Amino acid sequence: MFAGCRAPTHWCDVHLLVPWIDGGETGLDDSAPLRERHHTQVHHGFRVERRPDGRRHSHRPDGTGTTTPAALVPAA
């Protein structure tokens, strides 16, 4: 998810953090659920990265950003 977004996952599309054409893996470790608005922003200069601790960090085009407060784990 985009850091700070609380949209339910059923409103989201899956976005690959590193596209497979650039060597990314198609899987949960390389994906983020993004609602339509945030998915569009990612394709227009915003970035989302997954940190080693599982938290995601969103970067604005100017380089500033926010981090999710806790690791997001898929529901069982």
N, C-alpha and C. Protein backbone atom coordinates (compact mmCIF):
# COMPACT_ATOMS: atom_id res chain seq x y z
N MET A 1 0.83 -1.19 0.00
CA MET A 1 0.00 0.00 0.00
C MET A 1 0.87 1.24 0.00
N PHE A 2 0.29 2.29 -0.49
CA PHE A 2 0.94 3.59 -0.42
C PHE A 2 1.00 3.94 1.05
N ALA A 3 2.13 4.38 1.53
CA ALA A 3 2.29 4.68 2.96
C ALA A 3 1.17 5.61 3.43
N GLY A 4 0.50 5.20 4.48
CA GLY A 4 -0.57 6.00 5.06
C GLY A 4 -1.95 5.74 4.48
N CYS A 5 -2.06 5.02 3.38
CA CYS A 5 -3.37 4.75 2.77
C CYS A 5 -4.05 3.62 3.53
N ARG A 6 -5.30 3.79 3.82
CA ARG A 6 -6.07 2.78 4.56
C ARG A 6 -7.20 2.18 3.71
N ALA A 7 -7.09 2.31 2.39
CA ALA A 7 -8.12 1.74 1.51
C ALA A 7 -8.15 0.23 1.66
N PRO A 8 -9.33 -0.38 1.62
CA PRO A 8 -9.39 -1.83 1.70
C PRO A 8 -8.74 -2.45 0.46
N THR A 9 -8.14 -3.62 0.64
CA THR A 9 -7.40 -4.23 -0.46
C THR A 9 -8.29 -4.54 -1.66
N HIS A 10 -9.59 -4.74 -1.47
CA HIS A 10 -10.44 -5.04 -2.62
C HIS A 10 -10.66 -3.80 -3.51
N TRP A 11 -10.20 -2.64 -3.08
CA TRP A 11 -10.23 -1.43 -3.92
C TRP A 11 -8.93 -1.29 -4.70
N CYS A 12 -7.98 -2.18 -4.50
CA CYS A 12 -6.61 -1.99 -5.00
C CYS A 12 -6.30 -2.87 -6.20
N ASP A 13 -5.28 -2.42 -6.95
CA ASP A 13 -4.65 -3.19 -8.01
C ASP A 13 -3.27 -3.57 -7.50
N VAL A 14 -2.71 -4.63 -8.04
CA VAL A 14 -1.36 -5.03 -7.66
C VAL A 14 -0.37 -4.30 -8.56
N HIS A 15 0.62 -3.70 -7.93
CA HIS A 15 1.68 -3.00 -8.66
C HIS A 15 3.00 -3.68 -8.34
N LEU A 16 3.78 -4.01 -9.37
CA LEU A 16 5.10 -4.59 -9.15
C LEU A 16 6.08 -3.47 -8.83
N LEU A 17 6.79 -3.59 -7.71
CA LEU A 17 7.74 -2.57 -7.29
C LEU A 17 8.92 -2.47 -8.25
N VAL A 18 9.41 -3.62 -8.70
CA VAL A 18 10.44 -3.67 -9.74
C VAL A 18 9.82 -4.46 -10.89
N PRO A 19 9.51 -3.81 -12.01
CA PRO A 19 8.87 -4.53 -13.12
C PRO A 19 9.70 -5.73 -13.57
N TRP A 20 9.02 -6.80 -13.97
CA TRP A 20 9.75 -8.01 -14.35
C TRP A 20 10.65 -7.74 -15.54
N ILE A 21 10.31 -6.78 -16.38
CA ILE A 21 11.16 -6.45 -17.53
C ILE A 21 12.50 -5.87 -17.06
N ASP A 22 12.52 -5.33 -15.81
CA ASP A 22 13.75 -4.79 -15.22
C ASP A 22 14.39 -5.76 -14.24
N GLY A 23 13.97 -7.03 -14.27
CA GLY A 23 14.56 -8.05 -13.41
C GLY A 23 13.79 -8.33 -12.13
N GLY A 24 12.63 -7.72 -11.94
CA GLY A 24 11.83 -7.96 -10.75
C GLY A 24 11.14 -9.31 -10.79
N GLU A 25 10.78 -9.79 -9.62
CA GLU A 25 10.05 -11.05 -9.49
C GLU A 25 8.56 -10.77 -9.44
N THR A 26 7.77 -11.66 -10.00
CA THR A 26 6.33 -11.55 -9.89
C THR A 26 5.91 -12.34 -8.66
N GLY A 27 5.72 -11.63 -7.54
CA GLY A 27 5.36 -12.29 -6.30
C GLY A 27 5.05 -11.26 -5.22
N LEU A 28 4.65 -11.74 -4.05
CA LEU A 28 4.26 -10.85 -2.97
C LEU A 28 5.39 -9.95 -2.49
N ASP A 29 6.63 -10.45 -2.53
CA ASP A 29 7.75 -9.64 -2.05
C ASP A 29 8.05 -8.46 -2.97
N ASP A 30 7.59 -8.53 -4.22
CA ASP A 30 7.87 -7.46 -5.17
C ASP A 30 6.58 -6.76 -5.60
N SER A 31 5.58 -6.76 -4.74
CA SER A 31 4.32 -6.13 -5.13
C SER A 31 3.75 -5.29 -4.01
N ALA A 32 2.87 -4.40 -4.41
CA ALA A 32 2.18 -3.56 -3.44
C ALA A 32 0.75 -3.34 -3.94
N PRO A 33 -0.23 -3.51 -3.04
CA PRO A 33 -1.60 -3.19 -3.45
C PRO A 33 -1.78 -1.68 -3.44
N LEU A 34 -2.18 -1.11 -4.57
CA LEU A 34 -2.36 0.33 -4.68
C LEU A 34 -3.75 0.64 -5.20
N ARG A 35 -4.45 1.58 -4.53
CA ARG A 35 -5.74 2.01 -5.06
C ARG A 35 -5.48 2.79 -6.34
N GLU A 36 -6.50 2.97 -7.14
CA GLU A 36 -6.34 3.56 -8.47
C GLU A 36 -5.57 4.88 -8.45
N ARG A 37 -5.92 5.77 -7.53
CA ARG A 37 -5.25 7.08 -7.45
C ARG A 37 -3.74 6.94 -7.24
N HIS A 38 -3.35 6.08 -6.30
CA HIS A 38 -1.93 5.90 -6.00
C HIS A 38 -1.21 5.14 -7.12
N HIS A 39 -1.90 4.19 -7.75
CA HIS A 39 -1.31 3.45 -8.86
C HIS A 39 -0.99 4.42 -10.00
N THR A 40 -1.88 5.35 -10.27
CA THR A 40 -1.65 6.37 -11.30
C THR A 40 -0.46 7.24 -10.91
N GLN A 41 -0.39 7.65 -9.64
CA GLN A 41 0.71 8.49 -9.19
C GLN A 41 2.06 7.79 -9.35
N VAL A 42 2.10 6.48 -9.08
CA VAL A 42 3.35 5.73 -9.20
C VAL A 42 3.83 5.73 -10.66
N HIS A 43 2.90 5.77 -11.59
CA HIS A 43 3.28 5.80 -13.00
C HIS A 43 3.56 7.22 -13.49
N HIS A 44 3.49 8.19 -12.58
CA HIS A 44 3.77 9.59 -12.92
C HIS A 44 4.74 10.23 -11.93
N GLY A 45 5.76 9.48 -11.50
CA GLY A 45 6.83 10.07 -10.70
C GLY A 45 6.93 9.66 -9.25
N PHE A 46 5.87 9.13 -8.65
CA PHE A 46 5.95 8.64 -7.28
C PHE A 46 6.59 7.25 -7.30
N ARG A 47 7.18 6.82 -6.18
CA ARG A 47 7.77 5.49 -6.07
C ARG A 47 7.34 4.85 -4.76
N VAL A 48 7.26 3.55 -4.75
CA VAL A 48 6.99 2.78 -3.53
C VAL A 48 8.08 1.73 -3.43
N GLU A 49 8.68 1.59 -2.25
CA GLU A 49 9.68 0.54 -2.03
C GLU A 49 9.32 -0.23 -0.77
N ARG A 50 9.68 -1.50 -0.76
CA ARG A 50 9.50 -2.32 0.44
C ARG A 50 10.84 -2.37 1.15
N ARG A 51 10.83 -2.04 2.42
CA ARG A 51 12.04 -2.08 3.23
C ARG A 51 12.26 -3.50 3.75
N PRO A 52 13.48 -3.83 4.17
CA PRO A 52 13.76 -5.19 4.67
C PRO A 52 12.86 -5.62 5.83
N ASP A 53 12.39 -4.65 6.64
CA ASP A 53 11.52 -5.00 7.77
C ASP A 53 10.06 -5.18 7.37
N GLY A 54 9.75 -5.08 6.07
CA GLY A 54 8.39 -5.28 5.58
C GLY A 54 7.59 -4.00 5.41
N ARG A 55 8.08 -2.90 5.99
CA ARG A 55 7.36 -1.64 5.83
C ARG A 55 7.58 -1.10 4.42
N ARG A 56 6.63 -0.33 3.95
CA ARG A 56 6.76 0.28 2.64
C ARG A 56 7.02 1.76 2.80
N HIS A 57 7.81 2.29 1.90
CA HIS A 57 8.14 3.71 1.91
C HIS A 57 7.70 4.30 0.58
N SER A 58 6.94 5.38 0.63
CA SER A 58 6.48 6.07 -0.58
C SER A 58 7.31 7.33 -0.77
N HIS A 59 7.76 7.53 -1.99
CA HIS A 59 8.56 8.71 -2.33
C HIS A 59 7.76 9.60 -3.27
N ARG A 60 7.69 10.87 -2.96
CA ARG A 60 7.09 11.83 -3.87
C ARG A 60 8.11 12.16 -4.95
N PRO A 61 7.69 12.75 -6.07
CA PRO A 61 8.65 13.10 -7.12
C PRO A 61 9.79 14.00 -6.64
N ASP A 62 9.57 14.80 -5.59
CA ASP A 62 10.63 15.68 -5.08
C ASP A 62 11.59 14.96 -4.13
N GLY A 63 11.37 13.65 -3.90
CA GLY A 63 12.27 12.87 -3.05
C GLY A 63 11.82 12.73 -1.61
N THR A 64 10.89 13.56 -1.15
CA THR A 64 10.39 13.42 0.22
C THR A 64 9.46 12.21 0.28
N GLY A 65 9.22 11.70 1.48
CA GLY A 65 8.38 10.53 1.55
C GLY A 65 7.85 10.23 2.93
N THR A 66 7.09 9.16 3.00
CA THR A 66 6.51 8.67 4.25
C THR A 66 6.68 7.16 4.30
N THR A 67 6.66 6.61 5.51
CA THR A 67 6.81 5.18 5.71
C THR A 67 5.62 4.65 6.48
N THR A 68 5.17 3.44 6.13
CA THR A 68 4.07 2.83 6.87
C THR A 68 4.54 2.58 8.30
N PRO A 69 3.64 2.72 9.29
CA PRO A 69 4.04 2.58 10.67
C PRO A 69 4.41 1.16 11.08
N ALA A 70 3.88 0.15 10.41
CA ALA A 70 4.17 -1.24 10.77
C ALA A 70 4.16 -2.08 9.51
N ALA A 71 4.78 -3.24 9.60
CA ALA A 71 4.82 -4.15 8.45
C ALA A 71 3.40 -4.56 8.07
N LEU A 72 3.13 -4.60 6.77
CA LEU A 72 1.84 -5.06 6.28
C LEU A 72 1.99 -6.53 5.90
N VAL A 73 1.22 -7.38 6.54
CA VAL A 73 1.30 -8.78 6.25
C VAL A 73 -0.04 -9.23 5.67
N PRO A 74 -0.02 -10.06 4.63
CA PRO A 74 -1.27 -10.53 4.06
C PRO A 74 -2.11 -11.29 5.08
N ALA A 75 -3.41 -11.10 5.02
CA ALA A 75 -4.32 -11.81 5.93
C ALA A 75 -4.31 -13.29 5.58
N ALA A 76 -4.39 -14.13 6.59
CA ALA A 76 -4.38 -15.59 6.36
C ALA A 76 -5.73 -16.06 5.89
